[in-house]
Protein backbone atom coordinates (compact mmCIF):
# COMPACT_ATOMS: atom_id res chain seq x y z
CA MET A 1 -154.79 -12.04 -193.81
CA LYS A 2 -153.91 -14.26 -190.87
CA VAL A 3 -150.21 -15.17 -190.84
CA LEU A 4 -148.62 -17.89 -188.71
CA LEU A 5 -144.84 -17.68 -188.26
CA VAL A 6 -143.29 -20.93 -187.03
CA GLN A 7 -139.94 -21.43 -185.34
CA PRO A 8 -139.05 -25.12 -185.89
CA ASP A 9 -138.05 -27.52 -183.14
CA LEU A 10 -135.42 -30.25 -183.11
CA PRO A 11 -134.33 -32.82 -180.50
CA SER A 12 -131.16 -30.74 -179.95
CA GLU A 13 -130.65 -27.02 -180.49
CA LEU A 14 -127.13 -26.79 -179.06
CA ILE A 15 -124.95 -25.36 -181.84
CA GLY A 16 -122.02 -25.30 -179.46
CA TRP A 17 -123.70 -23.70 -176.48
CA GLY A 18 -122.56 -26.44 -174.13
CA ASP A 19 -124.58 -28.11 -171.41
CA LEU A 20 -126.34 -24.98 -170.25
CA GLY A 21 -127.94 -24.57 -173.65
CA ALA A 22 -129.85 -21.75 -175.24
CA ILE A 23 -133.28 -21.03 -176.61
CA ALA A 24 -132.89 -17.59 -178.07
CA GLU A 25 -135.53 -15.18 -179.26
CA PRO A 26 -136.64 -15.96 -182.87
CA LEU A 27 -135.52 -12.54 -184.09
CA ALA A 28 -135.96 -13.32 -187.80
CA LEU A 29 -139.65 -14.03 -187.25
CA GLY A 30 -139.95 -10.83 -185.25
CA TYR A 31 -138.78 -8.92 -188.31
CA LEU A 32 -141.29 -10.74 -190.53
CA SER A 33 -144.09 -10.05 -188.08
CA ALA A 34 -143.24 -6.35 -188.13
CA ALA A 35 -143.27 -6.39 -191.94
CA ALA A 36 -146.67 -8.10 -192.01
CA LYS A 37 -148.16 -5.60 -189.59
CA LEU A 38 -147.06 -2.68 -191.77
CA ASP A 39 -149.71 -3.74 -194.27
CA GLY A 40 -152.42 -4.57 -191.78
CA HIS A 41 -152.00 -8.33 -191.62
CA ALA A 42 -152.47 -10.28 -188.38
CA PRO A 43 -149.36 -12.32 -187.54
CA ARG A 44 -149.04 -14.91 -184.80
CA LEU A 45 -145.82 -16.65 -183.73
CA LEU A 46 -145.55 -20.30 -182.72
CA ASP A 47 -142.22 -21.30 -181.21
CA LEU A 48 -142.23 -25.08 -181.33
CA ARG A 49 -139.10 -25.23 -179.18
CA LEU A 50 -141.23 -23.96 -176.30
CA HIS A 51 -144.56 -25.43 -177.42
CA PRO A 52 -143.83 -28.80 -179.01
CA GLY A 53 -146.70 -30.81 -180.40
CA THR A 54 -149.01 -27.80 -180.79
CA LEU A 55 -148.73 -27.20 -184.54
CA ARG A 56 -151.86 -29.10 -185.60
CA GLU A 57 -153.95 -27.59 -182.80
CA THR A 58 -152.76 -24.10 -183.74
CA LEU A 59 -153.54 -24.67 -187.41
CA GLU A 60 -157.02 -25.94 -186.61
CA THR A 61 -157.91 -23.12 -184.22
CA TYR A 62 -156.14 -20.12 -185.79
CA ARG A 63 -156.61 -21.28 -189.40
CA PRO A 64 -153.95 -19.04 -190.95
CA ASP A 65 -154.00 -18.02 -194.59
CA VAL A 66 -150.19 -18.03 -194.76
CA VAL A 67 -147.61 -20.04 -192.81
CA GLY A 68 -143.97 -18.97 -192.79
CA VAL A 69 -141.00 -20.97 -191.51
CA THR A 70 -137.30 -20.22 -191.23
CA GLY A 71 -134.13 -21.92 -190.07
CA TYR A 72 -130.63 -23.16 -190.71
CA SER A 73 -129.46 -26.26 -192.56
CA MET A 74 -130.27 -28.51 -189.62
CA HIS A 75 -133.92 -27.36 -189.86
CA VAL A 76 -134.47 -28.25 -193.53
CA LEU A 77 -136.16 -31.61 -193.01
CA ARG A 78 -138.17 -30.37 -190.04
CA ASN A 79 -139.42 -27.35 -191.98
CA LEU A 80 -140.50 -29.59 -194.85
CA ALA A 81 -142.38 -31.76 -192.36
CA ILE A 82 -144.07 -28.67 -190.86
CA CYS A 83 -145.20 -27.52 -194.29
CA ARG A 84 -146.52 -31.00 -195.13
CA GLU A 85 -148.62 -30.87 -191.98
CA VAL A 86 -149.90 -27.44 -192.97
CA ARG A 87 -150.88 -28.85 -196.35
CA SER A 88 -152.71 -31.79 -194.79
CA VAL A 89 -154.68 -29.66 -192.29
CA LEU A 90 -155.24 -26.55 -194.42
CA PRO A 91 -154.84 -27.44 -198.12
CA GLU A 92 -155.52 -23.86 -199.23
CA ALA A 93 -153.00 -22.25 -196.89
CA ILE A 94 -149.88 -20.79 -198.48
CA THR A 95 -146.46 -21.88 -197.22
CA VAL A 96 -143.36 -19.68 -197.32
CA VAL A 97 -139.83 -20.71 -196.30
CA GLY A 98 -136.79 -18.50 -195.86
CA GLY A 99 -133.63 -18.20 -193.83
CA HIS A 100 -129.99 -19.11 -194.08
CA HIS A 101 -130.34 -22.43 -195.91
CA ALA A 102 -133.09 -21.22 -198.25
CA THR A 103 -130.79 -18.40 -199.32
CA LEU A 104 -127.84 -20.63 -200.16
CA LEU A 105 -129.57 -23.82 -201.37
CA PRO A 106 -133.17 -22.90 -202.26
CA GLU A 107 -133.54 -26.08 -204.34
CA ASP A 108 -133.79 -28.13 -201.15
CA PHE A 109 -137.26 -26.61 -200.73
CA PHE A 110 -138.51 -27.18 -204.26
CA GLU A 111 -141.24 -29.53 -203.03
CA PRO A 112 -145.05 -29.65 -203.47
CA GLU A 113 -145.64 -28.61 -199.85
CA ILE A 114 -143.79 -25.29 -200.40
CA ASP A 115 -145.32 -22.36 -202.31
CA PHE A 116 -142.59 -19.71 -201.98
CA VAL A 117 -138.86 -19.82 -201.17
CA VAL A 118 -137.27 -16.52 -200.14
CA GLU A 119 -133.59 -15.75 -200.63
CA GLY A 120 -131.71 -13.26 -198.47
CA GLU A 121 -133.25 -10.51 -196.34
CA GLY A 122 -136.88 -11.49 -196.06
CA THR A 123 -139.01 -8.55 -194.95
CA ARG A 124 -139.42 -6.89 -198.34
CA PRO A 125 -140.09 -10.13 -200.28
CA PHE A 126 -142.49 -11.31 -197.56
CA ARG A 127 -144.49 -8.10 -197.79
CA ALA A 128 -144.60 -8.52 -201.58
CA ILE A 129 -145.86 -12.10 -201.25
CA LEU A 130 -148.61 -11.07 -198.83
CA SER A 131 -149.57 -8.17 -201.08
CA ALA A 132 -149.84 -10.45 -204.13
CA LEU A 133 -151.90 -13.00 -202.22
CA SER A 134 -154.23 -10.23 -201.00
CA ARG A 135 -154.91 -9.49 -204.67
CA SER A 136 -155.49 -13.23 -205.30
CA GLU A 137 -152.34 -13.49 -207.40
CA ARG A 138 -151.07 -17.04 -206.86
CA GLY A 139 -148.19 -17.03 -209.33
CA PRO A 140 -146.45 -13.65 -209.05
CA ARG A 141 -142.86 -12.93 -210.01
CA ILE A 142 -141.27 -11.34 -206.96
CA ALA A 143 -137.64 -10.30 -206.63
CA ALA A 144 -135.57 -12.71 -204.47
CA VAL A 145 -138.42 -15.25 -204.42
CA TRP A 146 -138.85 -18.69 -205.98
CA THR A 147 -142.52 -19.39 -206.77
CA ARG A 148 -144.06 -22.83 -207.28
CA ALA A 149 -146.09 -23.27 -210.44
CA ALA A 150 -149.04 -25.63 -211.02
CA ASP A 151 -146.69 -28.31 -212.33
CA ASN A 152 -144.60 -28.04 -209.11
CA SER A 153 -141.69 -26.38 -210.90
CA PHE A 154 -140.20 -23.23 -209.35
CA THR A 155 -139.50 -19.90 -211.08
CA PHE A 156 -137.16 -17.25 -209.75
CA GLY A 157 -138.30 -13.63 -209.67
CA GLY A 158 -134.83 -12.18 -210.14
CA PRO A 159 -132.26 -10.67 -207.77
CA ALA A 160 -133.25 -8.52 -204.82
CA PRO A 161 -133.02 -4.73 -205.13
CA THR A 162 -130.22 -2.80 -203.44
CA PHE A 163 -130.08 -3.60 -199.74
CA ASP A 164 -130.55 -0.81 -197.19
CA VAL A 165 -130.38 -2.04 -193.61
CA ASP A 166 -132.27 1.02 -192.31
CA ASP A 167 -135.29 0.07 -194.46
CA ILE A 168 -135.83 -3.06 -192.37
CA PRO A 169 -138.56 -2.47 -189.80
CA THR A 170 -137.84 -2.72 -186.10
CA PRO A 171 -138.63 -6.30 -185.05
CA ASP A 172 -142.02 -6.93 -183.50
CA ARG A 173 -141.33 -8.13 -179.95
CA GLU A 174 -144.99 -8.17 -178.95
CA VAL A 175 -145.67 -11.16 -181.20
CA ALA A 176 -143.63 -13.33 -178.77
CA GLN A 177 -144.64 -11.47 -175.62
CA ALA A 178 -146.02 -14.54 -173.83
CA ASP A 179 -142.73 -16.41 -174.34
CA ARG A 180 -140.20 -13.67 -173.71
CA GLY A 181 -139.40 -14.84 -170.19
CA SER A 182 -138.38 -18.24 -171.56
CA TYR A 183 -135.62 -17.06 -173.90
CA TYR A 184 -132.13 -17.52 -172.50
CA ILE A 185 -128.46 -18.13 -173.27
CA ASP A 186 -126.82 -19.99 -170.42
CA TRP A 187 -127.56 -18.08 -167.18
CA MET A 188 -128.49 -14.91 -169.08
CA ARG A 189 -132.25 -15.03 -168.73
CA PRO A 190 -134.39 -13.57 -170.04
CA ILE A 191 -132.39 -12.24 -172.98
CA ALA A 192 -133.33 -10.21 -176.03
CA LEU A 193 -131.60 -10.28 -179.40
CA MET A 194 -130.82 -7.15 -181.36
CA ARG A 195 -128.95 -6.38 -184.56
CA ASN A 196 -126.73 -3.34 -185.04
CA SER A 197 -125.10 -4.36 -188.31
CA VAL A 198 -125.37 -7.00 -191.02
CA GLY A 199 -122.54 -8.78 -192.82
CA CYS A 200 -118.85 -9.45 -192.34
CA PRO A 201 -115.86 -8.50 -194.54
CA PHE A 202 -113.72 -11.45 -193.40
CA ARG A 203 -113.46 -14.68 -195.38
CA CYS A 204 -113.16 -17.55 -192.90
CA SER A 205 -113.25 -20.79 -194.88
CA PHE A 206 -115.68 -22.59 -192.55
CA CYS A 207 -118.24 -19.73 -192.57
CA SER A 208 -120.86 -18.80 -195.14
CA LEU A 209 -122.35 -15.73 -193.44
CA TRP A 210 -120.24 -13.32 -195.48
CA LYS A 211 -121.52 -14.86 -198.72
CA ILE A 212 -125.12 -14.07 -197.84
CA MET A 213 -124.27 -10.36 -197.93
CA ASP A 214 -121.70 -10.75 -200.72
CA GLY A 215 -118.98 -9.67 -198.32
CA HIS A 216 -120.59 -6.29 -197.62
CA TYR A 217 -120.95 -4.77 -194.16
CA HIS A 218 -124.10 -2.74 -193.44
CA LYS A 219 -124.51 -0.55 -190.34
CA ARG A 220 -127.81 0.62 -188.95
CA SER A 221 -128.16 4.26 -187.98
CA ILE A 222 -127.19 4.95 -184.39
CA GLU A 223 -130.52 6.66 -183.74
CA GLN A 224 -132.45 3.57 -184.83
CA VAL A 225 -130.33 1.29 -182.68
CA VAL A 226 -130.66 3.46 -179.58
CA ASN A 227 -134.43 3.80 -180.01
CA GLU A 228 -134.86 0.05 -180.38
CA LEU A 229 -132.60 -0.66 -177.42
CA ALA A 230 -134.54 1.75 -175.23
CA ALA A 231 -137.74 -0.17 -175.93
CA ILE A 232 -136.30 -3.57 -174.96
CA GLU A 233 -137.49 -4.68 -171.55
CA GLU A 234 -134.93 -7.43 -170.91
CA GLU A 235 -131.82 -6.70 -168.87
CA TYR A 236 -129.62 -8.95 -171.04
CA VAL A 237 -129.11 -8.11 -174.71
CA PHE A 238 -127.27 -10.23 -177.24
CA LEU A 239 -126.02 -8.15 -180.17
CA VAL A 240 -126.23 -10.71 -182.97
CA ASP A 241 -124.06 -8.80 -185.46
CA ASP A 242 -121.94 -11.16 -187.53
CA GLU A 243 -118.93 -9.23 -186.22
CA ALA A 244 -119.92 -6.37 -183.94
CA PHE A 245 -116.78 -4.24 -183.64
CA ILE A 246 -115.57 -4.01 -187.23
CA ASP A 247 -116.24 -0.26 -187.48
CA THR A 248 -114.64 1.01 -184.29
CA LYS A 249 -115.64 4.63 -184.87
CA HIS A 250 -119.28 3.62 -185.26
CA MET A 251 -119.19 1.44 -182.15
CA LEU A 252 -117.63 4.20 -180.03
CA GLN A 253 -120.31 6.62 -181.21
CA LEU A 254 -122.98 4.04 -180.45
CA ALA A 255 -121.62 3.42 -176.94
CA ARG A 256 -121.65 7.13 -176.16
CA ALA A 257 -125.16 7.55 -177.59
CA ILE A 258 -126.41 4.67 -175.42
CA LYS A 259 -124.78 6.21 -172.37
CA ALA A 260 -126.23 9.63 -173.16
CA ALA A 261 -129.69 8.05 -173.43
CA GLY A 262 -129.30 6.61 -169.93
CA ILE A 263 -129.81 3.03 -171.10
CA ARG A 264 -128.28 0.38 -168.87
CA LYS A 265 -128.14 -3.23 -170.09
CA LYS A 266 -125.84 -6.22 -169.82
CA TYR A 267 -124.40 -7.07 -173.24
CA PHE A 268 -123.09 -10.18 -174.96
CA THR A 269 -121.78 -10.11 -178.52
CA TYR A 270 -119.25 -11.44 -181.02
CA CYS A 271 -115.73 -10.05 -181.34
CA ARG A 272 -112.55 -11.04 -183.16
CA ILE A 273 -109.53 -11.56 -180.93
CA ASP A 274 -107.38 -9.14 -182.96
CA THR A 275 -110.03 -6.44 -182.57
CA LEU A 276 -109.89 -6.94 -178.81
CA ILE A 277 -106.11 -6.44 -178.90
CA ARG A 278 -106.01 -3.47 -181.25
CA PHE A 279 -108.96 -1.55 -179.82
CA ARG A 280 -108.71 -2.23 -176.13
CA ASP A 281 -109.81 1.28 -175.19
CA MET A 282 -113.05 0.83 -177.14
CA LEU A 283 -113.78 -2.51 -175.45
CA GLU A 284 -113.05 -0.95 -172.06
CA GLU A 285 -115.60 1.76 -172.80
CA TRP A 286 -118.17 -0.86 -173.79
CA HIS A 287 -117.36 -2.81 -170.63
CA GLU A 288 -118.15 0.27 -168.55
CA LEU A 289 -121.43 0.52 -170.49
CA GLY A 290 -122.40 -3.05 -169.57
CA LEU A 291 -120.54 -5.40 -171.95
CA GLU A 292 -120.01 -8.45 -169.74
CA ARG A 293 -119.21 -11.19 -172.21
CA LEU A 294 -117.74 -11.75 -175.66
CA PHE A 295 -118.22 -14.66 -178.01
CA ILE A 296 -114.77 -15.09 -179.55
CA GLY A 297 -114.22 -17.61 -182.30
CA ILE A 298 -110.77 -18.91 -181.40
CA GLU A 299 -111.44 -21.91 -183.66
CA SER A 300 -108.03 -23.61 -183.37
CA VAL A 301 -104.90 -23.85 -181.23
CA SER A 302 -102.72 -24.57 -184.27
CA ASP A 303 -101.14 -21.87 -186.43
CA ASP A 304 -101.35 -24.15 -189.47
CA GLU A 305 -105.05 -24.80 -188.96
CA LEU A 306 -105.77 -21.12 -188.33
CA SER A 307 -104.13 -20.42 -191.68
CA THR A 308 -106.27 -23.12 -193.34
CA PHE A 309 -109.35 -21.49 -191.85
CA ASN A 310 -108.21 -18.11 -193.25
CA LYS A 311 -108.56 -16.54 -189.80
CA ARG A 312 -105.57 -14.18 -190.31
CA LEU A 313 -104.49 -14.93 -186.75
CA ARG A 314 -101.77 -16.78 -184.91
CA VAL A 315 -102.02 -18.63 -181.60
CA ALA A 316 -99.81 -16.03 -179.89
CA GLN A 317 -102.41 -13.36 -180.71
CA VAL A 318 -105.15 -15.55 -179.27
CA GLU A 319 -103.29 -15.87 -175.99
CA GLU A 320 -102.62 -12.14 -175.89
CA GLY A 321 -106.28 -11.37 -176.52
CA LEU A 322 -107.42 -13.69 -173.75
CA ARG A 323 -105.04 -11.91 -171.37
CA VAL A 324 -106.45 -8.52 -172.42
CA ALA A 325 -110.04 -9.74 -171.82
CA ARG A 326 -109.09 -10.87 -168.30
CA GLU A 327 -107.45 -7.52 -167.55
CA ILE A 328 -110.52 -5.60 -168.73
CA GLY A 329 -112.83 -7.92 -166.80
CA ILE A 330 -114.83 -9.25 -169.76
CA SER A 331 -115.61 -12.96 -169.69
CA VAL A 332 -114.99 -14.99 -172.84
CA PHE A 333 -117.26 -17.53 -174.43
CA ALA A 334 -114.64 -19.18 -176.63
CA GLY A 335 -115.62 -21.13 -179.71
CA PHE A 336 -113.38 -24.02 -180.80
CA ILE A 337 -113.75 -26.06 -183.99
CA VAL A 338 -113.01 -29.75 -183.64
CA ASN A 339 -111.66 -31.03 -186.94
CA PRO A 340 -112.76 -34.53 -188.01
CA ASP A 341 -109.05 -35.03 -188.69
CA PHE A 342 -108.29 -34.77 -184.95
CA THR A 343 -106.13 -37.43 -183.33
CA GLU A 344 -106.03 -38.23 -179.62
CA ARG A 345 -103.06 -35.89 -179.39
CA SER A 346 -105.13 -33.11 -180.97
CA PHE A 347 -107.82 -33.47 -178.32
CA SER A 348 -105.21 -33.43 -175.54
CA ARG A 349 -103.55 -30.34 -176.99
CA LEU A 350 -106.89 -28.51 -177.05
CA VAL A 351 -107.58 -29.39 -173.41
CA ARG A 352 -104.14 -28.18 -172.33
CA PHE A 353 -104.61 -24.87 -174.17
CA ILE A 354 -107.96 -24.20 -172.52
CA GLU A 355 -106.66 -25.03 -169.06
CA HIS A 356 -103.42 -23.08 -169.48
CA ASN A 357 -105.26 -19.95 -170.65
CA LYS A 358 -107.98 -20.21 -167.98
CA ILE A 359 -110.76 -19.76 -170.53
CA ASP A 360 -114.04 -18.87 -168.84
CA TYR A 361 -116.35 -20.90 -171.02
CA PRO A 362 -115.05 -23.04 -173.88
CA SER A 363 -117.61 -24.30 -176.40
CA PHE A 364 -117.13 -26.81 -179.17
CA THR A 365 -118.45 -27.48 -182.64
CA ILE A 366 -117.43 -30.05 -185.22
CA LEU A 367 -116.04 -28.76 -188.52
CA THR A 368 -118.98 -29.11 -190.90
CA PRO A 369 -119.17 -28.37 -194.66
CA LEU A 370 -122.08 -25.95 -194.42
CA PRO A 371 -123.84 -24.54 -197.50
CA GLY A 372 -121.97 -21.59 -198.90
CA THR A 373 -118.57 -22.81 -197.74
CA GLU A 374 -115.88 -24.11 -200.04
CA ALA A 375 -116.28 -27.64 -198.65
CA LEU A 376 -119.85 -28.05 -199.89
CA LYS A 377 -119.24 -27.12 -203.50
CA THR A 378 -119.40 -30.86 -203.99
CA PHE A 379 -121.16 -33.40 -201.80
CA ASP A 380 -118.37 -35.95 -202.28
CA ALA A 381 -116.95 -35.43 -198.79
CA VAL A 382 -120.30 -35.81 -197.01
CA THR A 383 -120.90 -39.29 -195.60
CA GLU A 384 -124.34 -38.70 -194.03
CA LEU A 385 -126.85 -38.73 -196.89
CA GLN A 386 -130.59 -39.04 -197.38
CA PRO A 387 -131.99 -41.74 -199.71
CA ASN A 388 -132.26 -39.07 -202.44
CA GLY A 389 -128.49 -38.49 -202.27
CA ARG A 390 -128.75 -35.08 -200.62
CA PRO A 391 -126.99 -34.46 -197.30
CA ASN A 392 -128.88 -35.46 -194.18
CA TRP A 393 -129.34 -31.87 -193.09
CA GLU A 394 -130.66 -32.80 -189.66
CA LEU A 395 -127.11 -33.83 -188.73
CA PHE A 396 -125.66 -30.46 -189.82
CA ASP A 397 -126.05 -29.06 -186.30
CA LEU A 398 -122.27 -28.80 -185.80
CA GLN A 399 -122.49 -31.55 -183.21
CA HIS A 400 -122.20 -34.54 -185.56
CA PRO A 401 -119.35 -35.45 -187.92
CA VAL A 402 -120.83 -35.61 -191.42
CA THR A 403 -117.51 -36.35 -193.12
CA GLU A 404 -114.95 -39.09 -192.50
CA THR A 405 -113.10 -38.90 -189.19
CA ARG A 406 -109.44 -39.83 -188.81
CA LEU A 407 -110.17 -41.73 -185.61
CA PRO A 408 -112.90 -44.37 -185.70
CA LYS A 409 -116.14 -42.39 -185.48
CA GLU A 410 -117.19 -43.83 -182.11
CA GLN A 411 -113.78 -43.02 -180.64
CA PHE A 412 -113.89 -39.50 -182.10
CA MET A 413 -117.32 -38.87 -180.59
CA ARG A 414 -116.24 -40.24 -177.22
CA HIS A 415 -113.36 -37.75 -177.10
CA TYR A 416 -115.68 -34.98 -178.30
CA ARG A 417 -118.27 -35.70 -175.60
CA ASP A 418 -115.49 -35.88 -173.01
CA LEU A 419 -114.47 -32.34 -173.99
CA GLN A 420 -117.97 -31.07 -173.29
CA LYS A 421 -118.36 -33.00 -170.05
CA THR A 422 -114.98 -31.96 -168.68
CA PHE A 423 -115.48 -28.25 -169.10
CA ALA A 424 -119.19 -28.25 -168.27
CA ALA A 425 -118.26 -29.81 -164.93
CA SER A 426 -115.55 -27.24 -164.22
CA LEU A 427 -117.91 -24.43 -165.19
CA GLY A 428 -120.50 -25.76 -162.76
CA GLU A 429 -117.98 -25.80 -159.93
CA HIS A 430 -116.72 -22.34 -160.79
CA ARG A 431 -120.13 -20.71 -160.96
CA ASP A 432 -122.01 -22.99 -158.60
CA ILE A 433 -124.69 -23.73 -161.18
CA ARG A 434 -124.79 -27.51 -161.27
CA ALA A 435 -128.51 -27.48 -160.50
CA MET A 436 -129.09 -25.04 -163.35
CA ILE A 437 -127.18 -27.28 -165.76
CA LYS A 438 -129.26 -30.28 -164.73
CA SER A 439 -132.63 -28.52 -164.89
CA ARG A 440 -131.98 -26.83 -168.21
CA THR A 441 -130.60 -29.98 -169.76
CA GLU A 442 -133.73 -31.86 -168.70
CA ARG A 443 -135.95 -29.08 -169.96
CA ARG A 444 -134.17 -29.03 -173.32
CA HIS A 445 -134.61 -32.79 -173.67
CA ALA A 446 -138.26 -32.45 -172.72
CA VAL A 447 -138.93 -29.97 -175.52
């Protein structure tokens, strides 16, 4: 069967990446493409972020039997619109949706334009869906999958079997070969994404990633990781592990295996600040291997707020960790959460902290009650709603306040935009990339 995998587009794809922006490789669709190819299907990938306005043309010329979409909460409405267009152009085509939001709130996709909703890791369920469709079974019961019936109701096929991360096929990078040079994160271009582990044992209150894996942490075999890494052509590699350095023994073994294989890349990945402090020797070894940059979720400059977030950190540790990163020579992409409860004093305090600690690249997101977090157990706190009473998911991009703000909303957003402008300007002066900021901002707006 012919399979079209679609990465949705939105007016803004920032998610805290600042003014340089990012259009990263659609790794999830690469995994699904690999799964489809295992059974002889013919997948094609359409990244609408890079090719806006081409969906209808692609549907009419390629005429896929199955169309799959994925995304986060901010993509819900766009993915529904994509599937409606599929239905209007190719009424017999089957639509499948999966991803982060579909896992946590599958009912948001219980619509006539959707045939299957996949929860959790998608490669095994996707293969099962394609297999059933190949046998002309239109109403199968598949584990981890919601299936639409003739009356537009949805039936769940039961929980997924035991998860084994090494059973997931290596992502198909050829399916996006024509676009690979266009994927970037800031000045790191082109960049490939790769996963070494899945899950996180921590319980930060603003995060739902750990719930998707029920708090479990799954490591891929070192041999698999090294083999995949050796096949990646890009110089920059972003390890997209939820928290890369949790198992220090594993990561040391991996670093030495990469070195023994003679692989030389430039790495960017996530790391907790306390891990950086406690396992400095390990981070130094990774730095020698090519680790240039860490994404560190600092989140807050208040001990009380860090406690509320369940970060298990104090501000003094944050400052110590930033000092350690400078001494090693690793640059820090620091994530800060701006609470809708911020006052003008809160904004000023955040600016002073960033300047005092000479943070390489601060990035900002607005505290948002995402699916799977404690805050979205009820929708009462959400102010941005659709006519049907559900949250307006398009605004759940971490760049819009979707709950009440302590300051008047316009004043809050003015301070928030000033944060981004202030540090984007200083970054441009520091790295002499003003022209890059301008060109990439224009390109992002164009797509």
